Every structure is written in C-alpha cells, then in structure tokens.
mmCIF file of all heavy atoms, coordinates in Angstrom:
data_MODEL
# 
_entry.id   MODEL 
# 
loop_
_atom_site.group_PDB 
_atom_site.id 
_atom_site.type_symbol 
_atom_site.label_atom_id 
_atom_site.label_alt_id 
_atom_site.label_comp_id 
_atom_site.label_asym_id 
_atom_site.label_entity_id 
_atom_site.label_seq_id 
_atom_site.pdbx_PDB_ins_code 
_atom_site.Cartn_x 
_atom_site.Cartn_y 
_atom_site.Cartn_z 
_atom_site.occupancy 
_atom_site.B_iso_or_equiv 
_atom_site.pdbx_formal_charge 
_atom_site.auth_seq_id 
_atom_site.auth_comp_id 
_atom_site.auth_asym_id 
_atom_site.auth_atom_id 
_atom_site.pdbx_PDB_model_num 
ATOM 1   N N   . ASP A 1 1  ? 35.776 2.430  27.999 1.00 0.00 ? 1  ASP A N   1 
ATOM 2   C CA  . ASP A 1 1  ? 34.383 2.051  28.219 1.00 0.00 ? 1  ASP A CA  1 
ATOM 3   C C   . ASP A 1 1  ? 33.698 2.899  29.282 1.00 0.00 ? 1  ASP A C   1 
ATOM 4   O O   . ASP A 1 1  ? 32.495 3.158  29.191 1.00 0.00 ? 1  ASP A O   1 
ATOM 5   C CB  . ASP A 1 1  ? 34.308 0.571  28.612 1.00 0.00 ? 1  ASP A CB  1 
ATOM 6   C CG  . ASP A 1 1  ? 34.592 -0.349 27.429 1.00 0.00 ? 1  ASP A CG  1 
ATOM 7   O OD1 . ASP A 1 1  ? 33.977 -0.161 26.366 1.00 0.00 ? 1  ASP A OD1 1 
ATOM 8   O OD2 . ASP A 1 1  ? 35.429 -1.254 27.566 1.00 0.00 ? 1  ASP A OD2 1 
ATOM 9   N N   . GLY A 1 2  ? 34.441 3.356  30.282 1.00 0.00 ? 2  GLY A N   1 
ATOM 10  C CA  . GLY A 1 2  ? 33.842 4.199  31.314 1.00 0.00 ? 2  GLY A CA  1 
ATOM 11  C C   . GLY A 1 2  ? 33.380 5.541  30.764 1.00 0.00 ? 2  GLY A C   1 
ATOM 12  O O   . GLY A 1 2  ? 32.283 6.004  31.076 1.00 0.00 ? 2  GLY A O   1 
ATOM 13  N N   . THR A 1 3  ? 34.219 6.165  29.930 1.00 0.00 ? 3  THR A N   1 
ATOM 14  C CA  . THR A 1 3  ? 33.845 7.444  29.319 1.00 0.00 ? 3  THR A CA  1 
ATOM 15  C C   . THR A 1 3  ? 32.670 7.264  28.360 1.00 0.00 ? 3  THR A C   1 
ATOM 16  O O   . THR A 1 3  ? 31.766 8.105  28.297 1.00 0.00 ? 3  THR A O   1 
ATOM 17  C CB  . THR A 1 3  ? 35.046 8.050  28.577 1.00 0.00 ? 3  THR A CB  1 
ATOM 18  O OG1 . THR A 1 3  ? 36.169 8.120  29.463 1.00 0.00 ? 3  THR A OG1 1 
ATOM 19  C CG2 . THR A 1 3  ? 34.735 9.445  28.080 1.00 0.00 ? 3  THR A CG2 1 
ATOM 20  N N   . ILE A 1 4  ? 32.679 6.161  27.612 1.00 0.00 ? 4  ILE A N   1 
ATOM 21  C CA  . ILE A 1 4  ? 31.569 5.879  26.706 1.00 0.00 ? 4  ILE A CA  1 
ATOM 22  C C   . ILE A 1 4  ? 30.276 5.695  27.492 1.00 0.00 ? 4  ILE A C   1 
ATOM 23  O O   . ILE A 1 4  ? 29.222 6.211  27.111 1.00 0.00 ? 4  ILE A O   1 
ATOM 24  C CB  . ILE A 1 4  ? 31.882 4.640  25.854 1.00 0.00 ? 4  ILE A CB  1 
ATOM 25  C CG1 . ILE A 1 4  ? 33.029 4.940  24.894 1.00 0.00 ? 4  ILE A CG1 1 
ATOM 26  C CG2 . ILE A 1 4  ? 30.642 4.179  25.078 1.00 0.00 ? 4  ILE A CG2 1 
ATOM 27  C CD1 . ILE A 1 4  ? 33.619 3.717  24.234 1.00 0.00 ? 4  ILE A CD1 1 
ATOM 28  N N   . ASN A 1 5  ? 30.342 4.968  28.606 1.00 0.00 ? 5  ASN A N   1 
ATOM 29  C CA  . ASN A 1 5  ? 29.136 4.752  29.401 1.00 0.00 ? 5  ASN A CA  1 
ATOM 30  C C   . ASN A 1 5  ? 28.581 6.074  29.922 1.00 0.00 ? 5  ASN A C   1 
ATOM 31  O O   . ASN A 1 5  ? 27.365 6.312  29.861 1.00 0.00 ? 5  ASN A O   1 
ATOM 32  C CB  . ASN A 1 5  ? 29.433 3.810  30.573 1.00 0.00 ? 5  ASN A CB  1 
ATOM 33  C CG  . ASN A 1 5  ? 28.230 3.588  31.447 1.00 0.00 ? 5  ASN A CG  1 
ATOM 34  O OD1 . ASN A 1 5  ? 27.949 4.367  32.361 1.00 0.00 ? 5  ASN A OD1 1 
ATOM 35  N ND2 . ASN A 1 5  ? 27.480 2.535  31.167 1.00 0.00 ? 5  ASN A ND2 1 
ATOM 36  N N   . GLU A 1 6  ? 29.438 6.927  30.412 1.00 0.00 ? 6  GLU A N   1 
ATOM 37  C CA  . GLU A 1 6  ? 28.975 8.244  30.872 1.00 0.00 ? 6  GLU A CA  1 
ATOM 38  C C   . GLU A 1 6  ? 28.306 9.011  29.738 1.00 0.00 ? 6  GLU A C   1 
ATOM 39  O O   . GLU A 1 6  ? 27.252 9.638  29.923 1.00 0.00 ? 6  GLU A O   1 
ATOM 40  C CB  . GLU A 1 6  ? 30.156 9.058  31.413 1.00 0.00 ? 6  GLU A CB  1 
ATOM 41  C CG  . GLU A 1 6  ? 30.649 8.631  32.774 1.00 0.00 ? 6  GLU A CG  1 
ATOM 42  C CD  . GLU A 1 6  ? 31.637 9.633  33.339 1.00 0.00 ? 6  GLU A CD  1 
ATOM 43  O OE1 . GLU A 1 6  ? 31.704 10.764 32.814 1.00 0.00 ? 6  GLU A OE1 1 
ATOM 44  O OE2 . GLU A 1 6  ? 32.335 9.293  34.304 1.00 0.00 ? 6  GLU A OE2 1 
ATOM 45  N N   . THR A 1 7  ? 28.911 8.975  28.559 1.00 0.00 ? 7  THR A N   1 
ATOM 46  C CA  . THR A 1 7  ? 28.359 9.696  27.414 1.00 0.00 ? 7  THR A CA  1 
ATOM 47  C C   . THR A 1 7  ? 26.981 9.172  27.052 1.00 0.00 ? 7  THR A C   1 
ATOM 48  O O   . THR A 1 7  ? 26.040 9.950  26.812 1.00 0.00 ? 7  THR A O   1 
ATOM 49  C CB  . THR A 1 7  ? 29.305 9.570  26.216 1.00 0.00 ? 7  THR A CB  1 
ATOM 50  O OG1 . THR A 1 7  ? 30.594 10.090 26.571 1.00 0.00 ? 7  THR A OG1 1 
ATOM 51  C CG2 . THR A 1 7  ? 28.774 10.322 25.009 1.00 0.00 ? 7  THR A CG2 1 
ATOM 52  N N   . VAL A 1 8  ? 26.831 7.868  27.006 1.00 0.00 ? 8  VAL A N   1 
ATOM 53  C CA  . VAL A 1 8  ? 25.535 7.264  26.688 1.00 0.00 ? 8  VAL A CA  1 
ATOM 54  C C   . VAL A 1 8  ? 24.481 7.692  27.693 1.00 0.00 ? 8  VAL A C   1 
ATOM 55  O O   . VAL A 1 8  ? 23.346 8.038  27.330 1.00 0.00 ? 8  VAL A O   1 
ATOM 56  C CB  . VAL A 1 8  ? 25.665 5.734  26.633 1.00 0.00 ? 8  VAL A CB  1 
ATOM 57  C CG1 . VAL A 1 8  ? 24.290 5.065  26.626 1.00 0.00 ? 8  VAL A CG1 1 
ATOM 58  C CG2 . VAL A 1 8  ? 26.470 5.309  25.412 1.00 0.00 ? 8  VAL A CG2 1 
ATOM 59  N N   . ASN A 1 9  ? 24.836 7.701  28.963 1.00 0.00 ? 9  ASN A N   1 
ATOM 60  C CA  . ASN A 1 9  ? 23.869 8.114  29.975 1.00 0.00 ? 9  ASN A CA  1 
ATOM 61  C C   . ASN A 1 9  ? 23.533 9.591  29.863 1.00 0.00 ? 9  ASN A C   1 
ATOM 62  O O   . ASN A 1 9  ? 22.395 9.999  30.120 1.00 0.00 ? 9  ASN A O   1 
ATOM 63  C CB  . ASN A 1 9  ? 24.393 7.758  31.368 1.00 0.00 ? 9  ASN A CB  1 
ATOM 64  C CG  . ASN A 1 9  ? 24.117 6.316  31.734 1.00 0.00 ? 9  ASN A CG  1 
ATOM 65  O OD1 . ASN A 1 9  ? 23.052 5.982  32.237 1.00 0.00 ? 9  ASN A OD1 1 
ATOM 66  N ND2 . ASN A 1 9  ? 25.075 5.444  31.458 1.00 0.00 ? 9  ASN A ND2 1 
ATOM 67  N N   . GLY A 1 10 ? 24.498 10.403 29.450 1.00 0.00 ? 10 GLY A N   1 
ATOM 68  C CA  . GLY A 1 10 ? 24.200 11.812 29.218 1.00 0.00 ? 10 GLY A CA  1 
ATOM 69  C C   . GLY A 1 10 ? 23.252 12.018 28.052 1.00 0.00 ? 10 GLY A C   1 
ATOM 70  O O   . GLY A 1 10 ? 22.419 12.930 28.064 1.00 0.00 ? 10 GLY A O   1 
ATOM 71  N N   . LEU A 1 11 ? 23.356 11.161 27.044 1.00 0.00 ? 11 LEU A N   1 
ATOM 72  C CA  . LEU A 1 11 ? 22.476 11.256 25.890 1.00 0.00 ? 11 LEU A CA  1 
ATOM 73  C C   . LEU A 1 11 ? 21.060 10.789 26.205 1.00 0.00 ? 11 LEU A C   1 
ATOM 74  O O   . LEU A 1 11 ? 20.099 11.275 25.610 1.00 0.00 ? 11 LEU A O   1 
ATOM 75  C CB  . LEU A 1 11 ? 23.034 10.430 24.726 1.00 0.00 ? 11 LEU A CB  1 
ATOM 76  C CG  . LEU A 1 11 ? 24.320 10.929 24.080 1.00 0.00 ? 11 LEU A CG  1 
ATOM 77  C CD1 . LEU A 1 11 ? 24.798 9.940  23.027 1.00 0.00 ? 11 LEU A CD1 1 
ATOM 78  C CD2 . LEU A 1 11 ? 24.120 12.299 23.458 1.00 0.00 ? 11 LEU A CD2 1 
ATOM 79  N N   . LEU A 1 12 ? 20.913 9.845  27.146 1.00 0.00 ? 12 LEU A N   1 
ATOM 80  C CA  . LEU A 1 12 ? 19.606 9.239  27.383 1.00 0.00 ? 12 LEU A CA  1 
ATOM 81  C C   . LEU A 1 12 ? 18.885 9.750  28.621 1.00 0.00 ? 12 LEU A C   1 
ATOM 82  O O   . LEU A 1 12 ? 17.654 9.772  28.640 1.00 0.00 ? 12 LEU A O   1 
ATOM 83  C CB  . LEU A 1 12 ? 19.746 7.713  27.499 1.00 0.00 ? 12 LEU A CB  1 
ATOM 84  C CG  . LEU A 1 12 ? 19.621 6.952  26.173 1.00 0.00 ? 12 LEU A CG  1 
ATOM 85  C CD1 . LEU A 1 12 ? 20.858 7.136  25.313 1.00 0.00 ? 12 LEU A CD1 1 
ATOM 86  C CD2 . LEU A 1 12 ? 19.346 5.489  26.405 1.00 0.00 ? 12 LEU A CD2 1 
ATOM 87  N N   . ASN A 1 13 ? 19.614 10.123 29.643 1.00 0.00 ? 13 ASN A N   1 
ATOM 88  C CA  . ASN A 1 13 ? 18.954 10.481 30.898 1.00 0.00 ? 13 ASN A CA  1 
ATOM 89  C C   . ASN A 1 13 ? 18.484 11.926 30.894 1.00 0.00 ? 13 ASN A C   1 
ATOM 90  O O   . ASN A 1 13 ? 19.153 12.806 30.347 1.00 0.00 ? 13 ASN A O   1 
ATOM 91  C CB  . ASN A 1 13 ? 19.900 10.262 32.085 1.00 0.00 ? 13 ASN A CB  1 
ATOM 92  C CG  . ASN A 1 13 ? 19.992 8.807  32.483 1.00 0.00 ? 13 ASN A CG  1 
ATOM 93  O OD1 . ASN A 1 13 ? 19.001 8.082  32.469 1.00 0.00 ? 13 ASN A OD1 1 
ATOM 94  N ND2 . ASN A 1 13 ? 21.186 8.362  32.850 1.00 0.00 ? 13 ASN A ND2 1 
ATOM 95  N N   . PRO A 1 14 ? 17.338 12.212 31.537 1.00 0.00 ? 14 PRO A N   1 
ATOM 96  C CA  . PRO A 1 14 ? 16.888 13.602 31.650 1.00 0.00 ? 14 PRO A CA  1 
ATOM 97  C C   . PRO A 1 14 ? 17.816 14.421 32.526 1.00 0.00 ? 14 PRO A C   1 
ATOM 98  O O   . PRO A 1 14 ? 18.364 13.924 33.508 1.00 0.00 ? 14 PRO A O   1 
ATOM 99  C CB  . PRO A 1 14 ? 15.492 13.474 32.281 1.00 0.00 ? 14 PRO A CB  1 
ATOM 100 C CG  . PRO A 1 14 ? 15.512 12.155 32.974 1.00 0.00 ? 14 PRO A CG  1 
ATOM 101 C CD  . PRO A 1 14 ? 16.409 11.271 32.171 1.00 0.00 ? 14 PRO A CD  1 
ATOM 102 N N   . VAL A 1 15 ? 18.018 15.667 32.151 1.00 0.00 ? 15 VAL A N   1 
ATOM 103 C CA  . VAL A 1 15 ? 18.847 16.597 32.913 1.00 0.00 ? 15 VAL A CA  1 
ATOM 104 C C   . VAL A 1 15 ? 18.046 17.874 33.131 1.00 0.00 ? 15 VAL A C   1 
ATOM 105 O O   . VAL A 1 15 ? 17.424 18.395 32.207 1.00 0.00 ? 15 VAL A O   1 
ATOM 106 C CB  . VAL A 1 15 ? 20.167 16.904 32.173 1.00 0.00 ? 15 VAL A CB  1 
ATOM 107 C CG1 . VAL A 1 15 ? 20.981 17.933 32.940 1.00 0.00 ? 15 VAL A CG1 1 
ATOM 108 C CG2 . VAL A 1 15 ? 20.968 15.627 31.964 1.00 0.00 ? 15 VAL A CG2 1 
ATOM 109 N N   . ASN A 1 16 ? 18.041 18.363 34.360 1.00 0.00 ? 16 ASN A N   1 
ATOM 110 C CA  . ASN A 1 16 ? 17.329 19.609 34.708 1.00 0.00 ? 16 ASN A CA  1 
ATOM 111 C C   . ASN A 1 16 ? 15.860 19.567 34.315 1.00 0.00 ? 16 ASN A C   1 
ATOM 112 O O   . ASN A 1 16 ? 15.277 20.562 33.867 1.00 0.00 ? 16 ASN A O   1 
ATOM 113 C CB  . ASN A 1 16 ? 18.012 20.816 34.037 1.00 0.00 ? 16 ASN A CB  1 
ATOM 114 C CG  . ASN A 1 16 ? 19.449 21.003 34.501 1.00 0.00 ? 16 ASN A CG  1 
ATOM 115 O OD1 . ASN A 1 16 ? 19.753 20.736 35.664 1.00 0.00 ? 16 ASN A OD1 1 
ATOM 116 N ND2 . ASN A 1 16 ? 20.309 21.447 33.613 1.00 0.00 ? 16 ASN A ND2 1 
ATOM 117 N N   . GLY A 1 17 ? 15.272 18.370 34.454 1.00 0.00 ? 17 GLY A N   1 
ATOM 118 C CA  . GLY A 1 17 ? 13.835 18.247 34.233 1.00 0.00 ? 17 GLY A CA  1 
ATOM 119 C C   . GLY A 1 17 ? 13.414 18.102 32.793 1.00 0.00 ? 17 GLY A C   1 
ATOM 120 O O   . GLY A 1 17 ? 12.220 18.015 32.502 1.00 0.00 ? 17 GLY A O   1 
ATOM 121 N N   . ASP A 1 18 ? 14.371 18.054 31.832 1.00 0.00 ? 18 ASP A N   1 
ATOM 122 C CA  . ASP A 1 18 ? 13.948 17.904 30.437 1.00 0.00 ? 18 ASP A CA  1 
ATOM 123 C C   . ASP A 1 18 ? 13.474 16.480 30.188 1.00 0.00 ? 18 ASP A C   1 
ATOM 124 O O   . ASP A 1 18 ? 13.794 15.558 30.911 1.00 0.00 ? 18 ASP A O   1 
ATOM 125 C CB  . ASP A 1 18 ? 15.061 18.302 29.463 1.00 0.00 ? 18 ASP A CB  1 
ATOM 126 C CG  . ASP A 1 18 ? 16.247 17.360 29.507 1.00 0.00 ? 18 ASP A CG  1 
ATOM 127 O OD1 . ASP A 1 18 ? 16.379 16.625 30.493 1.00 0.00 ? 18 ASP A OD1 1 
ATOM 128 O OD2 . ASP A 1 18 ? 17.038 17.369 28.552 1.00 0.00 ? 18 ASP A OD2 1 
ATOM 129 N N   . HIS A 1 19 ? 12.694 16.295 29.143 1.00 0.00 ? 19 HIS A N   1 
ATOM 130 C CA  . HIS A 1 19 ? 12.109 15.001 28.839 1.00 0.00 ? 19 HIS A CA  1 
ATOM 131 C C   . HIS A 1 19 ? 12.850 14.364 27.676 1.00 0.00 ? 19 HIS A C   1 
ATOM 132 O O   . HIS A 1 19 ? 13.067 14.999 26.645 1.00 0.00 ? 19 HIS A O   1 
ATOM 133 C CB  . HIS A 1 19 ? 10.628 15.146 28.482 1.00 0.00 ? 19 HIS A CB  1 
ATOM 134 C CG  . HIS A 1 19 ? 10.001 13.863 28.020 1.00 0.00 ? 19 HIS A CG  1 
ATOM 135 N ND1 . HIS A 1 19 ? 9.846  12.772 28.848 1.00 0.00 ? 19 HIS A ND1 1 
ATOM 136 C CD2 . HIS A 1 19 ? 9.510  13.504 26.812 1.00 0.00 ? 19 HIS A CD2 1 
ATOM 137 C CE1 . HIS A 1 19 ? 9.265  11.790 28.172 1.00 0.00 ? 19 HIS A CE1 1 
ATOM 138 N NE2 . HIS A 1 19 ? 9.054  12.206 26.933 1.00 0.00 ? 19 HIS A NE2 1 
ATOM 139 N N   . VAL A 1 20 ? 13.258 13.114 27.848 1.00 0.00 ? 20 VAL A N   1 
ATOM 140 C CA  . VAL A 1 20 ? 13.910 12.371 26.788 1.00 0.00 ? 20 VAL A CA  1 
ATOM 141 C C   . VAL A 1 20 ? 12.946 11.299 26.319 1.00 0.00 ? 20 VAL A C   1 
ATOM 142 O O   . VAL A 1 20 ? 12.645 10.369 27.053 1.00 0.00 ? 20 VAL A O   1 
ATOM 143 C CB  . VAL A 1 20 ? 15.222 11.719 27.278 1.00 0.00 ? 20 VAL A CB  1 
ATOM 144 C CG1 . VAL A 1 20 ? 15.915 11.012 26.122 1.00 0.00 ? 20 VAL A CG1 1 
ATOM 145 C CG2 . VAL A 1 20 ? 16.137 12.752 27.885 1.00 0.00 ? 20 VAL A CG2 1 
ATOM 146 N N   . PRO A 1 21 ? 12.398 11.404 25.114 1.00 0.00 ? 21 PRO A N   1 
ATOM 147 C CA  . PRO A 1 21 ? 11.432 10.414 24.654 1.00 0.00 ? 21 PRO A CA  1 
ATOM 148 C C   . PRO A 1 21 ? 12.086 9.056  24.465 1.00 0.00 ? 21 PRO A C   1 
ATOM 149 O O   . PRO A 1 21 ? 13.303 8.967  24.264 1.00 0.00 ? 21 PRO A O   1 
ATOM 150 C CB  . PRO A 1 21 ? 10.951 10.985 23.314 1.00 0.00 ? 21 PRO A CB  1 
ATOM 151 C CG  . PRO A 1 21 ? 12.065 11.859 22.859 1.00 0.00 ? 21 PRO A CG  1 
ATOM 152 C CD  . PRO A 1 21 ? 12.681 12.424 24.103 1.00 0.00 ? 21 PRO A CD  1 
ATOM 153 N N   . PRO A 1 22 ? 11.306 7.968  24.539 1.00 0.00 ? 22 PRO A N   1 
ATOM 154 C CA  . PRO A 1 22 ? 11.875 6.643  24.320 1.00 0.00 ? 22 PRO A CA  1 
ATOM 155 C C   . PRO A 1 22 ? 12.354 6.477  22.887 1.00 0.00 ? 22 PRO A C   1 
ATOM 156 O O   . PRO A 1 22 ? 11.900 7.169  21.972 1.00 0.00 ? 22 PRO A O   1 
ATOM 157 C CB  . PRO A 1 22 ? 10.697 5.708  24.629 1.00 0.00 ? 22 PRO A CB  1 
ATOM 158 C CG  . PRO A 1 22 ? 9.482  6.554  24.421 1.00 0.00 ? 22 PRO A CG  1 
ATOM 159 C CD  . PRO A 1 22 ? 9.871  7.941  24.818 1.00 0.00 ? 22 PRO A CD  1 
ATOM 160 N N   . GLY A 1 23 ? 13.274 5.525  22.687 1.00 0.00 ? 23 GLY A N   1 
ATOM 161 C CA  . GLY A 1 23 ? 13.803 5.298  21.353 1.00 0.00 ? 23 GLY A CA  1 
ATOM 162 C C   . GLY A 1 23 ? 14.946 6.239  21.032 1.00 0.00 ? 23 GLY A C   1 
ATOM 163 O O   . GLY A 1 23 ? 15.286 7.133  21.800 1.00 0.00 ? 23 GLY A O   1 
ATOM 164 N N   . SER A 1 24 ? 15.571 6.017  19.865 1.00 0.00 ? 24 SER A N   1 
ATOM 165 C CA  . SER A 1 24 ? 16.775 6.770  19.516 1.00 0.00 ? 24 SER A CA  1 
ATOM 166 C C   . SER A 1 24 ? 16.486 8.048  18.748 1.00 0.00 ? 24 SER A C   1 
ATOM 167 O O   . SER A 1 24 ? 17.396 8.844  18.506 1.00 0.00 ? 24 SER A O   1 
ATOM 168 C CB  . SER A 1 24 ? 17.698 5.875  18.670 1.00 0.00 ? 24 SER A CB  1 
ATOM 169 O OG  . SER A 1 24 ? 17.035 5.448  17.494 1.00 0.00 ? 24 SER A OG  1 
ATOM 170 N N   . GLU A 1 25 ? 15.247 8.286  18.340 1.00 0.00 ? 25 GLU A N   1 
ATOM 171 C CA  . GLU A 1 25 ? 14.924 9.481  17.561 1.00 0.00 ? 25 GLU A CA  1 
ATOM 172 C C   . GLU A 1 25 ? 15.143 10.755 18.379 1.00 0.00 ? 25 GLU A C   1 
ATOM 173 O O   . GLU A 1 25 ? 14.814 10.811 19.562 1.00 0.00 ? 25 GLU A O   1 
ATOM 174 C CB  . GLU A 1 25 ? 13.468 9.414  17.090 1.00 0.00 ? 25 GLU A CB  1 
ATOM 175 C CG  . GLU A 1 25 ? 13.166 8.240  16.170 1.00 0.00 ? 25 GLU A CG  1 
ATOM 176 C CD  . GLU A 1 25 ? 13.954 8.302  14.882 1.00 0.00 ? 25 GLU A CD  1 
ATOM 177 O OE1 . GLU A 1 25 ? 14.195 9.421  14.394 1.00 0.00 ? 25 GLU A OE1 1 
ATOM 178 O OE2 . GLU A 1 25 ? 14.352 7.239  14.382 1.00 0.00 ? 25 GLU A OE2 1 
ATOM 179 N N   . GLY A 1 26 ? 15.678 11.770 17.717 1.00 0.00 ? 26 GLY A N   1 
ATOM 180 C CA  . GLY A 1 26 ? 15.838 13.056 18.371 1.00 0.00 ? 26 GLY A CA  1 
ATOM 181 C C   . GLY A 1 26 ? 17.089 13.201 19.200 1.00 0.00 ? 26 GLY A C   1 
ATOM 182 O O   . GLY A 1 26 ? 17.346 14.280 19.737 1.00 0.00 ? 26 GLY A O   1 
ATOM 183 N N   . ARG A 1 27 ? 17.894 12.153 19.302 1.00 0.00 ? 27 ARG A N   1 
ATOM 184 C CA  . ARG A 1 27 ? 19.158 12.247 20.030 1.00 0.00 ? 27 ARG A CA  1 
ATOM 185 C C   . ARG A 1 27 ? 20.319 12.309 19.042 1.00 0.00 ? 27 ARG A C   1 
ATOM 186 O O   . ARG A 1 27 ? 20.227 11.785 17.940 1.00 0.00 ? 27 ARG A O   1 
ATOM 187 C CB  . ARG A 1 27 ? 19.355 11.017 20.931 1.00 0.00 ? 27 ARG A CB  1 
ATOM 188 C CG  . ARG A 1 27 ? 18.363 10.869 22.046 1.00 0.00 ? 27 ARG A CG  1 
ATOM 189 C CD  . ARG A 1 27 ? 18.864 9.780  22.998 1.00 0.00 ? 27 ARG A CD  1 
ATOM 190 N NE  . ARG A 1 27 ? 17.871 9.523  24.025 1.00 0.00 ? 27 ARG A NE  1 
ATOM 191 C CZ  . ARG A 1 27 ? 16.957 8.563  23.960 1.00 0.00 ? 27 ARG A CZ  1 
ATOM 192 N NH1 . ARG A 1 27 ? 16.910 7.792  22.899 1.00 0.00 ? 27 ARG A NH1 1 
ATOM 193 N NH2 . ARG A 1 27 ? 16.098 8.387  24.930 1.00 0.00 ? 27 ARG A NH2 1 
# 
C-alpha cells in the first residue's frame, strides 16, 4: 500500500511546475 500511495501521488501531483487538470482524464 505504501508503494501504491506514492504512485498515485506521482500520477496526480504537479511536478516541476506542470499542471495536472482535475479528474482522471489525461493520466
């Protein structure tokens, strides 16, 4: 569960200033 949680946060959180739109589209 810890590795899964990290992965989910990597998919959703902005990195290096990029924008992650709301919702699951585009991920």
